[in-house]
Amino acid sequence: HLRFHFDFSMDQILAYLLMSASSSAATRVDDWMSN
């Protein structure tokens, strides 16, 4: 009965974590290229 809650929360969590990981990796690559 909590299937739809689980799907929604996992989609939200994974979307946030992917965006966070990608943005922090982007700053590191930019730093690597400048150095």
PDB file of all heavy atoms in Angstrom:
ATOM      1  N   HIS A   1       0.808  -1.219   0.000  1.00  0.00           N
ATOM      2  CA  HIS A   1       0.000   0.000   0.000  1.00  0.00           C
ATOM      3  C   HIS A   1       0.847   1.278   0.000  1.00  0.00           C
ATOM      4  O   HIS A   1       0.354   2.348  -0.305  1.00  0.00           O
ATOM      5  CB  HIS A   1      -0.977  -0.008   1.183  1.00  0.00           C
ATOM      6  CG  HIS A   1      -0.322   0.097   2.517  1.00  0.00           C
ATOM      7  ND1 HIS A   1       0.297  -0.972   3.127  1.00  0.00           N
ATOM      8  CD2 HIS A   1      -0.177   1.150   3.345  1.00  0.00           C
ATOM      9  CE1 HIS A   1       0.795  -0.577   4.290  1.00  0.00           C
ATOM     10  NE2 HIS A   1       0.514   0.701   4.441  1.00  0.00           N
ATOM     11  N   LEU A   2       2.133   1.174   0.311  1.00  0.00           N
ATOM     12  CA  LEU A   2       3.021   2.340   0.287  1.00  0.00           C
ATOM     13  C   LEU A   2       3.884   2.397  -0.982  1.00  0.00           C
ATOM     14  O   LEU A   2       4.846   3.155  -1.042  1.00  0.00           O
ATOM     15  CB  LEU A   2       3.921   2.343   1.521  1.00  0.00           C
ATOM     16  CG  LEU A   2       3.223   2.554   2.851  1.00  0.00           C
ATOM     17  CD1 LEU A   2       4.209   2.443   3.995  1.00  0.00           C
ATOM     18  CD2 LEU A   2       2.517   3.891   2.886  1.00  0.00           C
ATOM     19  N   ARG A   3       3.534   1.620  -1.975  1.00  0.00           N
ATOM     20  CA  ARG A   3       4.326   1.531  -3.199  1.00  0.00           C
ATOM     21  C   ARG A   3       4.494   2.895  -3.873  1.00  0.00           C
ATOM     22  O   ARG A   3       5.588   3.268  -4.263  1.00  0.00           O
ATOM     23  CB  ARG A   3       3.665   0.556  -4.159  1.00  0.00           C
ATOM     24  CG  ARG A   3       4.301   0.526  -5.507  1.00  0.00           C
ATOM     25  CD  ARG A   3       3.573  -0.395  -6.462  1.00  0.00           C
ATOM     26  NE  ARG A   3       4.196  -0.359  -7.755  1.00  0.00           N
ATOM     27  CZ  ARG A   3       5.353  -0.917  -8.051  1.00  0.00           C
ATOM     28  NH1 ARG A   3       6.005  -1.578  -7.129  1.00  0.00           N
ATOM     29  NH2 ARG A   3       5.859  -0.815  -9.246  1.00  0.00           N
ATOM     30  N   PHE A   4       3.407   3.630  -4.016  1.00  0.00           N
ATOM     31  CA  PHE A   4       3.482   4.912  -4.717  1.00  0.00           C
ATOM     32  C   PHE A   4       4.270   5.943  -3.913  1.00  0.00           C
ATOM     33  O   PHE A   4       4.967   6.772  -4.486  1.00  0.00           O
ATOM     34  CB  PHE A   4       2.079   5.421  -5.039  1.00  0.00           C
ATOM     35  CG  PHE A   4       1.329   4.492  -5.946  1.00  0.00           C
ATOM     36  CD1 PHE A   4       0.235   3.788  -5.493  1.00  0.00           C
ATOM     37  CD2 PHE A   4       1.739   4.295  -7.250  1.00  0.00           C
ATOM     38  CE1 PHE A   4      -0.449   2.919  -6.325  1.00  0.00           C
ATOM     39  CE2 PHE A   4       1.072   3.434  -8.104  1.00  0.00           C
ATOM     40  CZ  PHE A   4      -0.026   2.743  -7.631  1.00  0.00           C
ATOM     41  N   HIS A   5       4.196   5.882  -2.590  1.00  0.00           N
ATOM     42  CA  HIS A   5       5.009   6.753  -1.750  1.00  0.00           C
ATOM     43  C   HIS A   5       6.495   6.429  -1.926  1.00  0.00           C
ATOM     44  O   HIS A   5       7.330   7.321  -2.013  1.00  0.00           O
ATOM     45  CB  HIS A   5       4.623   6.606  -0.273  1.00  0.00           C
ATOM     46  CG  HIS A   5       3.261   7.122   0.034  1.00  0.00           C
ATOM     47  ND1 HIS A   5       2.142   6.330  -0.069  1.00  0.00           N
ATOM     48  CD2 HIS A   5       2.839   8.335   0.427  1.00  0.00           C
ATOM     49  CE1 HIS A   5       1.078   7.043   0.264  1.00  0.00           C
ATOM     50  NE2 HIS A   5       1.473   8.275   0.563  1.00  0.00           N
ATOM     51  N   PHE A   6       6.809   5.134  -1.953  1.00  0.00           N
ATOM     52  CA  PHE A   6       8.203   4.704  -2.126  1.00  0.00           C
ATOM     53  C   PHE A   6       8.739   5.151  -3.482  1.00  0.00           C
ATOM     54  O   PHE A   6       9.850   5.689  -3.570  1.00  0.00           O
ATOM     55  CB  PHE A   6       8.309   3.184  -1.981  1.00  0.00           C
ATOM     56  CG  PHE A   6       9.695   2.658  -2.224  1.00  0.00           C
ATOM     57  CD1 PHE A   6      10.666   2.800  -1.264  1.00  0.00           C
ATOM     58  CD2 PHE A   6      10.010   2.037  -3.425  1.00  0.00           C
ATOM     59  CE1 PHE A   6      11.950   2.321  -1.481  1.00  0.00           C
ATOM     60  CE2 PHE A   6      11.283   1.561  -3.656  1.00  0.00           C
ATOM     61  CZ  PHE A   6      12.254   1.698  -2.686  1.00  0.00           C
ATOM     62  N   ASP A   7       7.973   4.912  -4.549  1.00  0.00           N
ATOM     63  CA  ASP A   7       8.420   5.305  -5.888  1.00  0.00           C
ATOM     64  C   ASP A   7       8.674   6.808  -5.970  1.00  0.00           C
ATOM     65  O   ASP A   7       9.711   7.248  -6.483  1.00  0.00           O
ATOM     66  CB  ASP A   7       7.382   4.913  -6.943  1.00  0.00           C
ATOM     67  CG  ASP A   7       7.336   3.419  -7.190  1.00  0.00           C
ATOM     68  OD1 ASP A   7       8.279   2.720  -6.792  1.00  0.00           O
ATOM     69  OD2 ASP A   7       6.341   2.970  -7.794  1.00  0.00           O
ATOM     70  N   PHE A   8       7.740   7.600  -5.454  1.00  0.00           N
ATOM     71  CA  PHE A   8       7.889   9.045  -5.512  1.00  0.00           C
ATOM     72  C   PHE A   8       9.094   9.518  -4.703  1.00  0.00           C
ATOM     73  O   PHE A   8       9.896  10.318  -5.182  1.00  0.00           O
ATOM     74  CB  PHE A   8       6.618   9.730  -5.011  1.00  0.00           C
ATOM     75  CG  PHE A   8       6.697  11.218  -5.026  1.00  0.00           C
ATOM     76  CD1 PHE A   8       6.746  11.908  -6.222  1.00  0.00           C
ATOM     77  CD2 PHE A   8       6.736  11.940  -3.841  1.00  0.00           C
ATOM     78  CE1 PHE A   8       6.822  13.286  -6.246  1.00  0.00           C
ATOM     79  CE2 PHE A   8       6.820  13.313  -3.854  1.00  0.00           C
ATOM     80  CZ  PHE A   8       6.866  13.991  -5.062  1.00  0.00           C
ATOM     81  N   SER A   9       9.243   8.999  -3.498  1.00  0.00           N
ATOM     82  CA  SER A   9      10.354   9.452  -2.657  1.00  0.00           C
ATOM     83  C   SER A   9      11.694   9.009  -3.231  1.00  0.00           C
ATOM     84  O   SER A   9      12.665   9.781  -3.218  1.00  0.00           O
ATOM     85  CB  SER A   9      10.178   8.972  -1.218  1.00  0.00           C
ATOM     86  OG  SER A   9      10.158   7.571  -1.160  1.00  0.00           O
ATOM     87  N   MET A  10      11.790   7.796  -3.771  1.00  0.00           N
ATOM     88  CA  MET A  10      13.063   7.354  -4.364  1.00  0.00           C
ATOM     89  C   MET A  10      13.407   8.168  -5.604  1.00  0.00           C
ATOM     90  O   MET A  10      14.581   8.526  -5.810  1.00  0.00           O
ATOM     91  CB  MET A  10      13.000   5.865  -4.710  1.00  0.00           C
ATOM     92  CG  MET A  10      13.109   4.957  -3.513  1.00  0.00           C
ATOM     93  SD  MET A  10      14.647   5.160  -2.598  1.00  0.00           S
ATOM     94  CE  MET A  10      15.840   4.573  -3.787  1.00  0.00           C
ATOM     95  N   ASP A  11      12.412   8.478  -6.425  1.00  0.00           N
ATOM     96  CA  ASP A  11      12.679   9.316  -7.597  1.00  0.00           C
ATOM     97  C   ASP A  11      13.179  10.698  -7.181  1.00  0.00           C
ATOM     98  O   ASP A  11      14.112  11.237  -7.773  1.00  0.00           O
ATOM     99  CB  ASP A  11      11.428   9.449  -8.462  1.00  0.00           C
ATOM    100  CG  ASP A  11      11.087   8.169  -9.198  1.00  0.00           C
ATOM    101  OD1 ASP A  11      11.962   7.295  -9.315  1.00  0.00           O
ATOM    102  OD2 ASP A  11       9.935   8.048  -9.654  1.00  0.00           O
ATOM    103  N   GLN A  12      12.560  11.263  -6.158  1.00  0.00           N
ATOM    104  CA  GLN A  12      12.979  12.580  -5.667  1.00  0.00           C
ATOM    105  C   GLN A  12      14.402  12.532  -5.096  1.00  0.00           C
ATOM    106  O   GLN A  12      15.230  13.395  -5.399  1.00  0.00           O
ATOM    107  CB  GLN A  12      12.027  13.059  -4.572  1.00  0.00           C
ATOM    108  CG  GLN A  12      10.673  13.457  -5.063  1.00  0.00           C
ATOM    109  CD  GLN A  12      10.715  14.819  -5.718  1.00  0.00           C
ATOM    110  OE1 GLN A  12      11.290  15.748  -5.185  1.00  0.00           O
ATOM    111  NE2 GLN A  12      10.110  14.921  -6.874  1.00  0.00           N
ATOM    112  N   ILE A  13      14.666  11.532  -4.277  1.00  0.00           N
ATOM    113  CA  ILE A  13      15.988  11.412  -3.637  1.00  0.00           C
ATOM    114  C   ILE A  13      17.075  11.201  -4.677  1.00  0.00           C
ATOM    115  O   ILE A  13      18.125  11.859  -4.647  1.00  0.00           O
ATOM    116  CB  ILE A  13      15.976  10.281  -2.592  1.00  0.00           C
ATOM    117  CG1 ILE A  13      15.122  10.677  -1.393  1.00  0.00           C
ATOM    118  CG2 ILE A  13      17.383   9.913  -2.157  1.00  0.00           C
ATOM    119  CD1 ILE A  13      14.803   9.529  -0.451  1.00  0.00           C
ATOM    120  N   LEU A  14      16.853  10.280  -5.602  1.00  0.00           N
ATOM    121  CA  LEU A  14      17.876   9.994  -6.602  1.00  0.00           C
ATOM    122  C   LEU A  14      18.087  11.169  -7.550  1.00  0.00           C
ATOM    123  O   LEU A  14      19.224  11.441  -7.953  1.00  0.00           O
ATOM    124  CB  LEU A  14      17.516   8.732  -7.367  1.00  0.00           C
ATOM    125  CG  LEU A  14      17.643   7.444  -6.550  1.00  0.00           C
ATOM    126  CD1 LEU A  14      17.150   6.259  -7.348  1.00  0.00           C
ATOM    127  CD2 LEU A  14      19.071   7.227  -6.101  1.00  0.00           C
ATOM    128  N   ALA A  15      17.026  11.884  -7.896  1.00  0.00           N
ATOM    129  CA  ALA A  15      17.194  13.060  -8.749  1.00  0.00           C
ATOM    130  C   ALA A  15      18.041  14.113  -8.036  1.00  0.00           C
ATOM    131  O   ALA A  15      18.950  14.698  -8.638  1.00  0.00           O
ATOM    132  CB  ALA A  15      15.832  13.638  -9.128  1.00  0.00           C
ATOM    133  N   TYR A  16      17.765  14.340  -6.758  1.00  0.00           N
ATOM    134  CA  TYR A  16      18.546  15.327  -6.006  1.00  0.00           C
ATOM    135  C   TYR A  16      20.008  14.885  -5.895  1.00  0.00           C
ATOM    136  O   TYR A  16      20.924  15.682  -6.102  1.00  0.00           O
ATOM    137  CB  TYR A  16      17.946  15.526  -4.611  1.00  0.00           C
ATOM    138  CG  TYR A  16      18.822  16.364  -3.733  1.00  0.00           C
ATOM    139  CD1 TYR A  16      18.888  17.736  -3.901  1.00  0.00           C
ATOM    140  CD2 TYR A  16      19.624  15.786  -2.759  1.00  0.00           C
ATOM    141  CE1 TYR A  16      19.722  18.507  -3.114  1.00  0.00           C
ATOM    142  CE2 TYR A  16      20.456  16.547  -1.969  1.00  0.00           C
ATOM    143  CZ  TYR A  16      20.502  17.912  -2.149  1.00  0.00           C
ATOM    144  OH  TYR A  16      21.339  18.665  -1.388  1.00  0.00           O
ATOM    145  N   LEU A  17      20.235  13.619  -5.555  1.00  0.00           N
ATOM    146  CA  LEU A  17      21.607  13.146  -5.390  1.00  0.00           C
ATOM    147  C   LEU A  17      22.379  13.162  -6.703  1.00  0.00           C
ATOM    148  O   LEU A  17      23.570  13.482  -6.716  1.00  0.00           O
ATOM    149  CB  LEU A  17      21.614  11.751  -4.780  1.00  0.00           C
ATOM    150  CG  LEU A  17      21.196  11.674  -3.308  1.00  0.00           C
ATOM    151  CD1 LEU A  17      21.122  10.231  -2.850  1.00  0.00           C
ATOM    152  CD2 LEU A  17      22.145  12.464  -2.435  1.00  0.00           C
ATOM    153  N   LEU A  18      21.727  12.824  -7.796  1.00  0.00           N
ATOM    154  CA  LEU A  18      22.398  12.906  -9.092  1.00  0.00           C
ATOM    155  C   LEU A  18      22.782  14.338  -9.435  1.00  0.00           C
ATOM    156  O   LEU A  18      23.883  14.592  -9.918  1.00  0.00           O
ATOM    157  CB  LEU A  18      21.502  12.345 -10.189  1.00  0.00           C
ATOM    158  CG  LEU A  18      21.668  10.873 -10.511  1.00  0.00           C
ATOM    159  CD1 LEU A  18      20.595  10.423 -11.478  1.00  0.00           C
ATOM    160  CD2 LEU A  18      23.031  10.588 -11.080  1.00  0.00           C
ATOM    161  N   MET A  19      21.883  15.279  -9.202  1.00  0.00           N
ATOM    162  CA  MET A  19      22.191  16.682  -9.485  1.00  0.00           C
ATOM    163  C   MET A  19      23.327  17.175  -8.599  1.00  0.00           C
ATOM    164  O   MET A  19      24.239  17.871  -9.057  1.00  0.00           O
ATOM    165  CB  MET A  19      20.950  17.549  -9.303  1.00  0.00           C
ATOM    166  CG  MET A  19      21.179  19.002  -9.614  1.00  0.00           C
ATOM    167  SD  MET A  19      21.865  19.303 -11.233  1.00  0.00           S
ATOM    168  CE  MET A  19      20.441  19.160 -12.227  1.00  0.00           C
ATOM    169  N   SER A  20      23.289  16.798  -7.340  1.00  0.00           N
ATOM    170  CA  SER A  20      24.331  17.221  -6.410  1.00  0.00           C
ATOM    171  C   SER A  20      25.693  16.638  -6.795  1.00  0.00           C
ATOM    172  O   SER A  20      26.700  17.354  -6.817  1.00  0.00           O
ATOM    173  CB  SER A  20      23.953  16.784  -4.995  1.00  0.00           C
ATOM    174  OG  SER A  20      24.951  17.121  -4.085  1.00  0.00           O
ATOM    175  N   ALA A  21      25.726  15.358  -7.121  1.00  0.00           N
ATOM    176  CA  ALA A  21      26.985  14.725  -7.504  1.00  0.00           C
ATOM    177  C   ALA A  21      27.520  15.299  -8.811  1.00  0.00           C
ATOM    178  O   ALA A  21      28.725  15.534  -8.947  1.00  0.00           O
ATOM    179  CB  ALA A  21      26.783  13.216  -7.630  1.00  0.00           C
ATOM    180  N   SER A  22      26.634  15.544  -9.751  1.00  0.00           N
ATOM    181  CA  SER A  22      27.064  16.089 -11.042  1.00  0.00           C
ATOM    182  C   SER A  22      27.611  17.499 -10.913  1.00  0.00           C
ATOM    183  O   SER A  22      28.625  17.840 -11.515  1.00  0.00           O
ATOM    184  CB  SER A  22      25.900  16.087 -12.030  1.00  0.00           C
ATOM    185  OG  SER A  22      25.437  14.793 -12.237  1.00  0.00           O
ATOM    186  N   SER A  23      26.956  18.313 -10.115  1.00  0.00           N
ATOM    187  CA  SER A  23      27.424  19.694  -9.980  1.00  0.00           C
ATOM    188  C   SER A  23      28.749  19.761  -9.226  1.00  0.00           C
ATOM    189  O   SER A  23      29.617  20.564  -9.584  1.00  0.00           O
ATOM    190  CB  SER A  23      26.371  20.552  -9.286  1.00  0.00           C
ATOM    191  OG  SER A  23      26.102  20.065  -7.998  1.00  0.00           O
ATOM    192  N   SER A  24      28.937  18.925  -8.223  1.00  0.00           N
ATOM    193  CA  SER A  24      30.226  18.952  -7.529  1.00  0.00           C
ATOM    194  C   SER A  24      31.331  18.365  -8.397  1.00  0.00           C
ATOM    195  O   SER A  24      32.469  18.831  -8.353  1.00  0.00           O
ATOM    196  CB  SER A  24      30.147  18.242  -6.182  1.00  0.00           C
ATOM    197  OG  SER A  24      29.792  16.911  -6.330  1.00  0.00           O
ATOM    198  N   ALA A  25      31.014  17.368  -9.225  1.00  0.00           N
ATOM    199  CA  ALA A  25      32.019  16.833 -10.148  1.00  0.00           C
ATOM    200  C   ALA A  25      32.379  17.859 -11.209  1.00  0.00           C
ATOM    201  O   ALA A  25      33.543  17.950 -11.623  1.00  0.00           O
ATOM    202  CB  ALA A  25      31.499  15.554 -10.794  1.00  0.00           C
ATOM    203  N   ALA A  26      31.407  18.640 -11.639  1.00  0.00           N
ATOM    204  CA  ALA A  26      31.675  19.657 -12.656  1.00  0.00           C
ATOM    205  C   ALA A  26      32.658  20.707 -12.136  1.00  0.00           C
ATOM    206  O   ALA A  26      33.544  21.152 -12.878  1.00  0.00           O
ATOM    207  CB  ALA A  26      30.377  20.314 -13.099  1.00  0.00           C
ATOM    208  N   THR A  27      32.528  21.089 -10.884  1.00  0.00           N
ATOM    209  CA  THR A  27      33.471  22.078 -10.333  1.00  0.00           C
ATOM    210  C   THR A  27      34.869  21.491 -10.207  1.00  0.00           C
ATOM    211  O   THR A  27      35.849  22.198 -10.411  1.00  0.00           O
ATOM    212  CB  THR A  27      32.992  22.594  -8.969  1.00  0.00           C
ATOM    213  OG1 THR A  27      32.869  21.511  -8.063  1.00  0.00           O
ATOM    214  CG2 THR A  27      31.670  23.319  -9.092  1.00  0.00           C
ATOM    215  N   ARG A  28      34.967  20.197  -9.900  1.00  0.00           N
ATOM    216  CA  ARG A  28      36.284  19.574  -9.777  1.00  0.00           C
ATOM    217  C   ARG A  28      36.955  19.460 -11.145  1.00  0.00           C
ATOM    218  O   ARG A  28      38.169  19.649 -11.260  1.00  0.00           O
ATOM    219  CB  ARG A  28      36.178  18.187  -9.134  1.00  0.00           C
ATOM    220  CG  ARG A  28      35.665  18.195  -7.717  1.00  0.00           C
ATOM    221  CD  ARG A  28      36.458  19.055  -6.765  1.00  0.00           C
ATOM    222  NE  ARG A  28      37.843  18.675  -6.732  1.00  0.00           N
ATOM    223  CZ  ARG A  28      38.825  19.466  -6.337  1.00  0.00           C
ATOM    224  NH1 ARG A  28      38.570  20.690  -5.933  1.00  0.00           N
ATOM    225  NH2 ARG A  28      40.064  19.045  -6.327  1.00  0.00           N
ATOM    226  N   VAL A  29      36.199  19.136 -12.163  1.00  0.00           N
ATOM    227  CA  VAL A  29      36.773  19.030 -13.507  1.00  0.00           C
ATOM    228  C   VAL A  29      37.229  20.404 -13.979  1.00  0.00           C
ATOM    229  O   VAL A  29      38.306  20.541 -14.567  1.00  0.00           O
ATOM    230  CB  VAL A  29      35.763  18.401 -14.494  1.00  0.00           C
ATOM    231  CG1 VAL A  29      36.219  18.550 -15.931  1.00  0.00           C
ATOM    232  CG2 VAL A  29      35.566  16.934 -14.156  1.00  0.00           C
ATOM    233  N   ASP A  30      36.454  21.425 -13.691  1.00  0.00           N
ATOM    234  CA  ASP A  30      36.850  22.788 -14.057  1.00  0.00           C
ATOM    235  C   ASP A  30      38.143  23.178 -13.338  1.00  0.00           C
ATOM    236  O   ASP A  30      39.044  23.768 -13.941  1.00  0.00           O
ATOM    237  CB  ASP A  30      35.732  23.762 -13.716  1.00  0.00           C
ATOM    238  CG  ASP A  30      36.041  25.162 -14.188  1.00  0.00           C
ATOM    239  OD1 ASP A  30      36.417  25.311 -15.375  1.00  0.00           O
ATOM    240  OD2 ASP A  30      35.919  26.101 -13.375  1.00  0.00           O
ATOM    241  N   ASP A  31      38.245  22.818 -12.069  1.00  0.00           N
ATOM    242  CA  ASP A  31      39.462  23.088 -11.299  1.00  0.00           C
ATOM    243  C   ASP A  31      40.646  22.312 -11.880  1.00  0.00           C
ATOM    244  O   ASP A  31      41.749  22.843 -11.994  1.00  0.00           O
ATOM    245  CB  ASP A  31      39.233  22.708  -9.829  1.00  0.00           C
ATOM    246  CG  ASP A  31      40.393  23.094  -8.947  1.00  0.00           C
ATOM    247  OD1 ASP A  31      40.932  24.206  -9.115  1.00  0.00           O
ATOM    248  OD2 ASP A  31      40.782  22.263  -8.077  1.00  0.00           O
ATOM    249  N   TRP A  32      40.439  21.065 -12.253  1.00  0.00           N
ATOM    250  CA  TRP A  32      41.485  20.238 -12.836  1.00  0.00           C
ATOM    251  C   TRP A  32      41.988  20.855 -14.144  1.00  0.00           C
ATOM    252  O   TRP A  32      43.194  20.929 -14.373  1.00  0.00           O
ATOM    253  CB  TRP A  32      40.932  18.836 -13.086  1.00  0.00           C
ATOM    254  CG  TRP A  32      41.918  17.864 -13.656  1.00  0.00           C
ATOM    255  CD1 TRP A  32      42.305  17.776 -14.958  1.00  0.00           C
ATOM    256  CD2 TRP A  32      42.649  16.864 -12.951  1.00  0.00           C
ATOM    257  NE1 TRP A  32      43.211  16.773 -15.126  1.00  0.00           N
ATOM    258  CE2 TRP A  32      43.454  16.191 -13.907  1.00  0.00           C
ATOM    259  CE3 TRP A  32      42.698  16.455 -11.633  1.00  0.00           C
ATOM    260  CZ2 TRP A  32      44.288  15.139 -13.561  1.00  0.00           C
ATOM    261  CZ3 TRP A  32      43.525  15.406 -11.295  1.00  0.00           C
ATOM    262  CH2 TRP A  32      44.304  14.767 -12.242  1.00  0.00           C
ATOM    263  N   MET A  33      41.046  21.317 -14.986  1.00  0.00           N
ATOM    264  CA  MET A  33      41.445  21.902 -16.274  1.00  0.00           C
ATOM    265  C   MET A  33      42.196  23.215 -16.087  1.00  0.00           C
ATOM    266  O   MET A  33      43.127  23.509 -16.829  1.00  0.00           O
ATOM    267  CB  MET A  33      40.225  22.113 -17.174  1.00  0.00           C
ATOM    268  CG  MET A  33      39.681  20.831 -17.741  1.00  0.00           C
ATOM    269  SD  MET A  33      38.465  20.972 -19.063  1.00  0.00           S
ATOM    270  CE  MET A  33      37.342  22.203 -18.486  1.00  0.00           C
ATOM    271  N   SER A  34      41.816  24.007 -15.080  1.00  0.00           N
ATOM    272  CA  SER A  34      42.514  25.278 -14.880  1.00  0.00           C
ATOM    273  C   SER A  34      43.914  25.066 -14.315  1.00  0.00           C
ATOM    274  O   SER A  34      44.811  25.855 -14.578  1.00  0.00           O
ATOM    275  CB  SER A  34      41.707  26.187 -13.960  1.00  0.00           C
ATOM    276  OG  SER A  34      41.619  25.642 -12.661  1.00  0.00           O
ATOM    277  N   ASN A  35      44.121  23.977 -13.571  1.00  0.00           N
ATOM    278  CA  ASN A  35      45.442  23.714 -12.992  1.00  0.00           C
ATOM    279  C   ASN A  35      46.365  22.954 -13.933  1.00  0.00           C
ATOM    280  O   ASN A  35      47.553  23.269 -14.022  1.00  0.00           O
ATOM    281  CB  ASN A  35      45.311  22.926 -11.686  1.00  0.00           C
ATOM    282  CG  ASN A  35      44.757  23.768 -10.565  1.00  0.00           C
ATOM    283  OD1 ASN A  35      44.881  24.986 -10.575  1.00  0.00           O
ATOM    284  ND2 ASN A  35      44.125  23.125  -9.605  1.00  0.00           N
TER     285      ASN A  35
END
